[in-house]
Each structure stands twice: as C-alpha cells, then as structure tokens.
C-alpha cells in the first residue's frame, strides 16, 4: 500500500513539474526550482539530527522495531 502511495506522489510531482515547465515556455525557471528543491531536501535529510525513539513504549510500535 505504501508503495502505491509513494508512486502516486512521484507521478503527481512529475506532472506538476512538467505542467510548470510547459507553462513557463523557454525559460529554465521550473528546472532551476526543481533542482534547488531537491538540493534543499537532501541537505535537510542528511543534516537533521536522528530521532530517538526511547520514549515510545514497545507495545505501541506496530510491526518490526525500527527504533
């Protein structure tokens, strides 16, 4: 189920970027915005502190324990 949700969001993002590029004409602004957005996402994902899960009780975690 999660795979379908992620795939749908990816498709939605691709269509959104494609529509922005078509509407912008010959300018590269939509591509520049997409690249900057990806760069910011990568920096935030790699530089953010890891979340500690010690405060979550073991009984409240569904499935495999990832914390």
C-alpha atoms as a PDB file:
ATOM      1  CA  UNK A   1       0.000   0.000   0.000  1.00  0.00           C
ATOM      2  CA  UNK A   2       2.825   2.384   0.854  1.00  0.00           C
ATOM      3  CA  UNK A   3       4.468   1.642  -2.497  1.00  0.00           C
ATOM      4  CA  UNK A   4       1.336   2.792  -4.319  1.00  0.00           C
ATOM      5  CA  UNK A   5       1.137   5.967  -2.236  1.00  0.00           C
ATOM      6  CA  UNK A   6       4.775   6.856  -2.911  1.00  0.00           C
ATOM      7  CA  UNK A   7       4.376   6.060  -6.614  1.00  0.00           C
ATOM      8  CA  UNK A   8       1.283   8.232  -6.836  1.00  0.00           C
ATOM      9  CA  UNK A   9       3.054  11.137  -5.149  1.00  0.00           C
ATOM     10  CA  UNK A  10       6.012  10.767  -7.508  1.00  0.00           C
ATOM     11  CA  UNK A  11       3.726  10.781 -10.530  1.00  0.00           C
ATOM     12  CA  UNK A  12       1.866  13.793  -9.188  1.00  0.00           C
ATOM     13  CA  UNK A  13       5.142  15.663  -8.658  1.00  0.00           C
ATOM     14  CA  UNK A  14       6.387  14.796 -12.149  1.00  0.00           C
ATOM     15  CA  UNK A  15       3.147  16.007 -13.726  1.00  0.00           C
ATOM     16  CA  UNK A  16       3.253  19.193 -11.659  1.00  0.00           C
ATOM     17  CA  UNK A  17       6.817  19.938 -12.768  1.00  0.00           C
ATOM     18  CA  UNK A  18       6.001  19.091 -16.388  1.00  0.00           C
ATOM     19  CA  UNK A  19       2.995  21.444 -16.365  1.00  0.00           C
ATOM     20  CA  UNK A  20       5.138  24.197 -14.845  1.00  0.00           C
ATOM     21  CA  UNK A  21       7.810  23.733 -17.492  1.00  0.00           C
ATOM     22  CA  UNK A  22       5.244  23.796 -20.311  1.00  0.00           C
ATOM     23  CA  UNK A  23       3.590  26.935 -18.924  1.00  0.00           C
ATOM     24  CA  UNK A  24       6.924  28.724 -18.498  1.00  0.00           C
ATOM     25  CA  UNK A  25       7.851  28.384 -22.153  1.00  0.00           C
ATOM     26  CA  UNK A  26      11.545  28.652 -22.969  1.00  0.00           C
ATOM     27  CA  UNK A  27      12.736  29.700 -19.526  1.00  0.00           C
ATOM     28  CA  UNK A  28      14.588  27.304 -17.240  1.00  0.00           C
ATOM     29  CA  UNK A  29      12.990  28.585 -14.030  1.00  0.00           C
ATOM     30  CA  UNK A  30      10.930  25.407 -13.342  1.00  0.00           C
ATOM     31  CA  UNK A  31      14.017  23.230 -13.769  1.00  0.00           C
ATOM     32  CA  UNK A  32      16.047  25.510 -11.520  1.00  0.00           C
ATOM     33  CA  UNK A  33      13.301  25.387  -8.885  1.00  0.00           C
ATOM     34  CA  UNK A  34      13.150  21.587  -9.024  1.00  0.00           C
ATOM     35  CA  UNK A  35      16.915  21.258  -8.658  1.00  0.00           C
ATOM     36  CA  UNK A  36      17.019  23.725  -5.767  1.00  0.00           C
ATOM     37  CA  UNK A  37      14.128  21.930  -4.064  1.00  0.00           C
ATOM     38  CA  UNK A  38      15.877  18.578  -4.354  1.00  0.00           C
ATOM     39  CA  UNK A  39      19.110  20.081  -3.039  1.00  0.00           C
ATOM     40  CA  UNK A  40      17.345  21.549  -0.001  1.00  0.00           C
ATOM     41  CA  UNK A  41      15.599  18.221   0.666  1.00  0.00           C
ATOM     42  CA  UNK A  42      18.909  16.352   0.522  1.00  0.00           C
ATOM     43  CA  UNK A  43      20.604  18.827   2.863  1.00  0.00           C
ATOM     44  CA  UNK A  44      17.726  18.648   5.349  1.00  0.00           C
ATOM     45  CA  UNK A  45      17.661  14.851   5.236  1.00  0.00           C
ATOM     46  CA  UNK A  46      21.399  14.461   5.745  1.00  0.00           C
ATOM     47  CA  UNK A  47      21.965  17.228   8.285  1.00  0.00           C
ATOM     48  CA  UNK A  48      18.948  16.754  10.530  1.00  0.00           C
ATOM     49  CA  UNK A  49      19.528  15.061  13.887  1.00  0.00           C
ATOM     50  CA  UNK A  50      18.333  11.489  14.223  1.00  0.00           C
ATOM     51  CA  UNK A  51      15.100  10.993  16.128  1.00  0.00           C
ATOM     52  CA  UNK A  52      15.406   8.966  19.300  1.00  0.00           C
ATOM     53  CA  UNK A  53      12.519   6.629  19.980  1.00  0.00           C
ATOM     54  CA  UNK A  54      13.240   5.699  23.585  1.00  0.00           C
ATOM     55  CA  UNK A  55      10.112   7.428  24.837  1.00  0.00           C
ATOM     56  CA  UNK A  56       7.828   5.213  22.705  1.00  0.00           C
ATOM     57  CA  UNK A  57       6.579   2.153  24.551  1.00  0.00           C
ATOM     58  CA  UNK A  58       7.302  -1.172  22.888  1.00  0.00           C
ATOM     59  CA  UNK A  59       3.615  -2.103  22.847  1.00  0.00           C
ATOM     60  CA  UNK A  60       2.677   0.951  20.763  1.00  0.00           C
ATOM     61  CA  UNK A  61       5.012   0.098  17.887  1.00  0.00           C
ATOM     62  CA  UNK A  62       3.370  -1.927  15.105  1.00  0.00           C
ATOM     63  CA  UNK A  63       5.435  -4.434  13.151  1.00  0.00           C
ATOM     64  CA  UNK A  64       9.208  -4.650  13.300  1.00  0.00           C
ATOM     65  CA  UNK A  65      11.009  -2.402  15.762  1.00  0.00           C
ATOM     66  CA  UNK A  66      12.953   0.275  13.891  1.00  0.00           C
ATOM     67  CA  UNK A  67      13.835   2.434  16.903  1.00  0.00           C
END
